[in-house]
Amino acid sequence: MLLNNRVLILSLGLIFSIFCNAQKKVDLNPVKEVSKVTLKGKYEHKYYALSSKSSTIYKVNGPGVISLNVRVRVEEGLKSEPFKIKVIKNNKHIDIYEVPALTVGNLKFKSQKLPGAPTKYYRLDIPVEPGKNTYKIYKYQPEPRVYVKAYYTPFSKPQWKDLKSKKVLASSNIQFTKSGRVSNYYELNRKTNQFLFNFNGSDYLRIIVRPKFSYSMLDEILVKLKLTNLNTGEEKIYRINSKRTSSAIFVNDKKNAVGVSSTLYLEMKPEDVGSTFKLELISGCKKAAVKVSENVKGIKR
């Protein structure tokens, strides 16, 4: 009897732990909208219209996932044609999502001025990387009339561990002029060195890059980096834009100005664990200060 009670207590404790650690989905309202409508059924729901010219904008802190419920206004008894939605992430990356034909659902438009009926919803899941993110959402073509409602499910925050280079690299100390705080980076030289490291983390790799600006360079540059998995040979090129900044200085380098930092969050596959990677600076500047970190805490989704 005592053993059964102990098992019951342990089981209830496990259920309570799972419940407490579950990530809660919340309504996500846009910071910029085109227009909105109200749909009614058992409850009322606010949906936001998509335009092919003007964006509907959402801002979130990742990691997590945006779930977008998509509906179309159609004539009674008809169904919509397949169409596409365009999502621009942080003004850099564009994703195109396809929405299939949808049939009329159970909800109605609250306004009598809107002809037709809303379809059943189709859900799009948009992954959100760590950090601050801005998503601009458009319908890809003028027709049909599209409305969306967004939810956001946050995941647990990463826990970062800075990685050391397996090859000897010069250090590059950066001091922030306002706080006086000093942060240590490695120096990448375009011609002579590489950052070699082993990935033993979980889910994400973070790369922070600050180009070194000589005083003869332009005030804004495009920098290219290459990351190679030496175990598989897979290569990826990453492009970042940077400007020189007055908010930080190199402690032991008066000949170069510090560039504004750019952060890359790279989603890693389970098979990447244990692999050796090589990070190279391939164009844009001669030198850059870099910091590479891995997430050491599994992301709760």
Foldseek 3Di string as FASTA:
>chain_A
DVVVVVVVVVVVVVVVVCVVQFWDKAWFAFPDADDWFWKDDPHIDIWTWFAQPAWGKTKDAAFWKKKKWKKFFDAPPDKDAKFWKWKQKPVPDIDIDIDHIFAFDRIATPDPPDHGGITGTDIDIGGDFHGMMMMTMHTNDGDDTMIITIMITHKDDFDKDWWQFPDDFDKWWKAFPPPRDIDIFTKAFQPDDKGKTAAAAAFKKKKKKKAWAAPVDDQKWKWKKWKAFPVVRDIDIDIDMWGFDPRMQTPPDPRTTIIDMDMDIDTDDPVSHGTMMIMHTHDTHRMMTMIMIHGHDYMGD
